[in-house]
Amino acid sequence: MSTERMDLLRERLQSLVPTQLDIIDESHFHAGHEGSKNGASHFRVVIRSEQFSGLSTVARHRLVYDRVHDLMPYPIHALAIDAKANQ
């Protein structure tokens, strides 16, 4: 199930034309956490894109959340984001 959710995240984030996109399932770190009780997942996303150039951290995170907001709080409970412009 986690793989399907990771694939869905990857699909949604392709619109940002990432040059790097790593999606890490961190659900096992949150076993017993309130959000994980219903089977929701916790992910970390590392994404690099030219679309982040000149944007603040908050603006970069908003671009990511805009693409996945309907997946939260289920099937994704938490999303840690490391979003930067290409260097």
N, C-alpha and C. Protein backbone atom coordinates (compact mmCIF):
# COMPACT_ATOMS: atom_id res chain seq x y z
N MET A 1 0.82 -1.19 0.00
CA MET A 1 0.00 0.00 0.00
C MET A 1 0.87 1.26 0.00
N SER A 2 1.94 1.23 0.76
CA SER A 2 2.83 2.37 0.83
C SER A 2 3.42 2.70 -0.55
N THR A 3 3.73 1.67 -1.32
CA THR A 3 4.29 1.88 -2.66
C THR A 3 3.28 2.61 -3.55
N GLU A 4 2.02 2.25 -3.43
CA GLU A 4 0.98 2.93 -4.22
C GLU A 4 0.90 4.41 -3.84
N ARG A 5 1.02 4.70 -2.56
CA ARG A 5 0.97 6.08 -2.09
C ARG A 5 2.19 6.85 -2.55
N MET A 6 3.35 6.21 -2.53
CA MET A 6 4.57 6.85 -3.01
C MET A 6 4.45 7.15 -4.51
N ASP A 7 3.90 6.21 -5.26
CA ASP A 7 3.70 6.42 -6.69
C ASP A 7 2.74 7.58 -6.95
N LEU A 8 1.71 7.69 -6.14
CA LEU A 8 0.74 8.78 -6.27
C LEU A 8 1.41 10.12 -5.98
N LEU A 9 2.22 10.18 -4.94
CA LEU A 9 2.98 11.41 -4.66
C LEU A 9 3.89 11.76 -5.83
N ARG A 10 4.62 10.78 -6.32
CA ARG A 10 5.54 11.00 -7.44
C ARG A 10 4.78 11.55 -8.66
N GLU A 11 3.64 10.95 -8.95
CA GLU A 11 2.82 11.39 -10.08
C GLU A 11 2.37 12.85 -9.90
N ARG A 12 1.89 13.17 -8.71
CA ARG A 12 1.39 14.52 -8.44
C ARG A 12 2.49 15.58 -8.53
N LEU A 13 3.69 15.21 -8.09
CA LEU A 13 4.78 16.19 -8.03
C LEU A 13 5.50 16.35 -9.36
N GLN A 14 5.21 15.52 -10.34
CA GLN A 14 5.84 15.65 -11.65
C GLN A 14 5.52 16.99 -12.31
N SER A 15 4.41 17.60 -11.95
CA SER A 15 4.06 18.89 -12.54
C SER A 15 5.05 19.99 -12.16
N LEU A 16 5.86 19.75 -11.13
CA LEU A 16 6.89 20.71 -10.74
C LEU A 16 8.19 20.48 -11.51
N VAL A 17 8.19 19.53 -12.42
CA VAL A 17 9.34 19.18 -13.27
C VAL A 17 10.61 19.05 -12.42
N PRO A 18 10.59 18.12 -11.48
CA PRO A 18 11.75 17.99 -10.59
C PRO A 18 12.97 17.41 -11.30
N THR A 19 14.14 17.91 -10.92
CA THR A 19 15.39 17.32 -11.38
C THR A 19 15.85 16.26 -10.39
N GLN A 20 15.29 16.32 -9.18
CA GLN A 20 15.50 15.29 -8.16
C GLN A 20 14.18 15.14 -7.42
N LEU A 21 13.79 13.91 -7.19
CA LEU A 21 12.59 13.64 -6.40
C LEU A 21 12.79 12.32 -5.66
N ASP A 22 13.00 12.43 -4.37
CA ASP A 22 13.14 11.26 -3.50
C ASP A 22 11.96 11.26 -2.54
N ILE A 23 11.29 10.13 -2.45
CA ILE A 23 10.17 9.97 -1.54
C ILE A 23 10.51 8.83 -0.59
N ILE A 24 10.56 9.16 0.69
CA ILE A 24 10.98 8.20 1.70
C ILE A 24 9.79 7.93 2.63
N ASP A 25 9.46 6.67 2.80
CA ASP A 25 8.39 6.27 3.70
C ASP A 25 8.95 6.24 5.12
N GLU A 26 8.44 7.12 5.97
CA GLU A 26 8.87 7.17 7.37
C GLU A 26 7.77 6.72 8.31
N SER A 27 6.79 6.00 7.78
CA SER A 27 5.65 5.56 8.58
C SER A 27 6.07 4.72 9.78
N HIS A 28 7.09 3.90 9.60
CA HIS A 28 7.52 3.02 10.69
C HIS A 28 8.04 3.79 11.91
N PHE A 29 8.46 5.04 11.71
CA PHE A 29 8.91 5.87 12.82
C PHE A 29 7.73 6.37 13.66
N HIS A 30 6.54 6.26 13.13
CA HIS A 30 5.36 6.85 13.76
C HIS A 30 4.34 5.81 14.20
N ALA A 31 4.77 4.58 14.35
CA ALA A 31 3.86 3.52 14.81
C ALA A 31 3.26 3.91 16.15
N GLY A 32 1.95 3.80 16.24
CA GLY A 32 1.25 4.17 17.46
C GLY A 32 0.85 5.63 17.51
N HIS A 33 1.39 6.44 16.63
CA HIS A 33 1.03 7.86 16.55
C HIS A 33 -0.44 7.98 16.14
N GLU A 34 -1.13 8.97 16.63
CA GLU A 34 -2.56 9.11 16.39
C GLU A 34 -2.91 9.03 14.90
N GLY A 35 -2.16 9.71 14.05
CA GLY A 35 -2.46 9.72 12.62
C GLY A 35 -2.23 8.40 11.92
N SER A 36 -1.37 7.57 12.50
CA SER A 36 -1.08 6.29 11.85
C SER A 36 -2.06 5.19 12.25
N LYS A 37 -2.89 5.44 13.24
CA LYS A 37 -3.82 4.41 13.71
C LYS A 37 -4.82 3.99 12.64
N ASN A 38 -5.19 4.91 11.75
CA ASN A 38 -6.16 4.57 10.70
C ASN A 38 -5.46 4.11 9.42
N GLY A 39 -4.14 3.93 9.47
CA GLY A 39 -3.41 3.43 8.31
C GLY A 39 -2.81 4.50 7.42
N ALA A 40 -2.89 5.76 7.84
CA ALA A 40 -2.31 6.84 7.04
C ALA A 40 -0.78 6.76 7.10
N SER A 41 -0.14 7.26 6.08
CA SER A 41 1.32 7.18 5.94
C SER A 41 2.00 8.50 6.26
N HIS A 42 3.29 8.38 6.62
CA HIS A 42 4.16 9.53 6.85
C HIS A 42 5.28 9.45 5.80
N PHE A 43 5.50 10.54 5.08
CA PHE A 43 6.54 10.54 4.05
C PHE A 43 7.45 11.75 4.20
N ARG A 44 8.67 11.61 3.70
CA ARG A 44 9.61 12.71 3.54
C ARG A 44 9.86 12.84 2.04
N VAL A 45 9.78 14.09 1.55
CA VAL A 45 9.99 14.36 0.13
C VAL A 45 11.21 15.28 0.00
N VAL A 46 12.16 14.87 -0.82
CA VAL A 46 13.30 15.71 -1.18
C VAL A 46 13.10 16.03 -2.66
N ILE A 47 12.92 17.31 -2.95
CA ILE A 47 12.61 17.70 -4.32
C ILE A 47 13.43 18.93 -4.72
N ARG A 48 13.97 18.88 -5.93
CA ARG A 48 14.71 20.00 -6.51
C ARG A 48 14.05 20.36 -7.83
N SER A 49 13.83 21.66 -8.03
CA SER A 49 13.16 22.10 -9.25
C SER A 49 13.50 23.55 -9.53
N GLU A 50 13.58 23.88 -10.80
CA GLU A 50 13.77 25.29 -11.20
C GLU A 50 12.58 26.14 -10.79
N GLN A 51 11.41 25.53 -10.65
CA GLN A 51 10.22 26.28 -10.27
C GLN A 51 10.31 26.87 -8.87
N PHE A 52 11.29 26.43 -8.08
CA PHE A 52 11.47 26.97 -6.73
C PHE A 52 12.42 28.17 -6.71
N SER A 53 13.03 28.49 -7.84
CA SER A 53 13.99 29.59 -7.88
C SER A 53 13.36 30.89 -7.43
N GLY A 54 14.05 31.56 -6.51
CA GLY A 54 13.60 32.86 -6.02
C GLY A 54 12.46 32.81 -5.01
N LEU A 55 12.00 31.62 -4.65
CA LEU A 55 10.88 31.49 -3.72
C LEU A 55 11.38 31.23 -2.29
N SER A 56 10.63 31.72 -1.33
CA SER A 56 10.93 31.43 0.07
C SER A 56 10.61 29.97 0.37
N THR A 57 11.07 29.51 1.51
CA THR A 57 10.79 28.14 1.93
C THR A 57 9.28 27.90 2.01
N VAL A 58 8.57 28.85 2.59
CA VAL A 58 7.11 28.71 2.72
C VAL A 58 6.46 28.62 1.34
N ALA A 59 6.88 29.42 0.40
CA ALA A 59 6.31 29.39 -0.96
C ALA A 59 6.62 28.07 -1.66
N ARG A 60 7.82 27.55 -1.46
CA ARG A 60 8.17 26.25 -2.06
C ARG A 60 7.29 25.15 -1.48
N HIS A 61 7.11 25.17 -0.16
CA HIS A 61 6.26 24.16 0.49
C HIS A 61 4.82 24.28 0.02
N ARG A 62 4.34 25.48 -0.18
CA ARG A 62 2.97 25.67 -0.68
C ARG A 62 2.79 25.05 -2.05
N LEU A 63 3.80 25.20 -2.92
CA LEU A 63 3.71 24.58 -4.24
C LEU A 63 3.56 23.07 -4.14
N VAL A 64 4.31 22.48 -3.21
CA VAL A 64 4.22 21.03 -3.01
C VAL A 64 2.84 20.67 -2.44
N TYR A 65 2.45 21.34 -1.37
CA TYR A 65 1.16 21.03 -0.73
C TYR A 65 -0.02 21.24 -1.68
N ASP A 66 0.06 22.24 -2.55
CA ASP A 66 -1.02 22.48 -3.52
C ASP A 66 -1.29 21.25 -4.37
N ARG A 67 -0.27 20.46 -4.62
CA ARG A 67 -0.42 19.30 -5.49
C ARG A 67 -0.89 18.05 -4.76
N VAL A 68 -0.82 18.06 -3.43
CA VAL A 68 -1.17 16.84 -2.68
C VAL A 68 -2.19 17.08 -1.57
N HIS A 69 -2.74 18.28 -1.48
CA HIS A 69 -3.60 18.62 -0.34
C HIS A 69 -4.80 17.69 -0.19
N ASP A 70 -5.31 17.17 -1.29
CA ASP A 70 -6.48 16.29 -1.21
C ASP A 70 -6.14 14.90 -0.67
N LEU A 71 -4.86 14.59 -0.53
CA LEU A 71 -4.43 13.30 0.01
C LEU A 71 -4.25 13.34 1.53
N MET A 72 -4.43 14.53 2.09
CA MET A 72 -4.20 14.70 3.52
C MET A 72 -5.51 15.04 4.22
N PRO A 73 -5.81 14.49 5.35
CA PRO A 73 -4.96 13.69 6.22
C PRO A 73 -4.97 12.20 5.91
N TYR A 74 -5.73 11.78 4.89
CA TYR A 74 -5.72 10.37 4.52
C TYR A 74 -5.76 10.27 3.01
N PRO A 75 -4.90 9.50 2.44
CA PRO A 75 -4.08 8.42 2.96
C PRO A 75 -2.71 8.86 3.49
N ILE A 76 -2.40 10.15 3.38
CA ILE A 76 -1.12 10.64 3.89
C ILE A 76 -1.39 11.53 5.09
N HIS A 77 -0.81 11.14 6.22
CA HIS A 77 -1.03 11.90 7.45
C HIS A 77 -0.02 13.03 7.60
N ALA A 78 1.22 12.77 7.20
CA ALA A 78 2.28 13.77 7.40
C ALA A 78 3.23 13.75 6.22
N LEU A 79 3.73 14.96 5.90
CA LEU A 79 4.66 15.10 4.78
C LEU A 79 5.75 16.09 5.19
N ALA A 80 6.96 15.58 5.34
CA ALA A 80 8.12 16.43 5.60
C ALA A 80 8.70 16.81 4.24
N ILE A 81 9.01 18.09 4.05
CA ILE A 81 9.42 18.56 2.73
C ILE A 81 10.78 19.23 2.79
N ASP A 82 11.66 18.82 1.89
CA ASP A 82 12.94 19.48 1.64
C ASP A 82 12.89 19.90 0.18
N ALA A 83 12.50 21.16 -0.06
CA ALA A 83 12.31 21.65 -1.43
C ALA A 83 13.29 22.81 -1.69
N LYS A 84 14.09 22.63 -2.73
CA LYS A 84 15.09 23.65 -3.07
C LYS A 84 15.14 23.82 -4.58
N ALA A 85 15.62 24.98 -4.99
CA ALA A 85 15.85 25.23 -6.41
C ALA A 85 17.10 24.48 -6.85
N ASN A 86 17.21 24.20 -8.11
CA ASN A 86 18.41 23.57 -8.64
C ASN A 86 19.59 24.49 -8.38
N GLN A 87 20.74 23.87 -8.18
CA GLN A 87 21.94 24.67 -7.91
C GLN A 87 22.87 24.68 -9.08
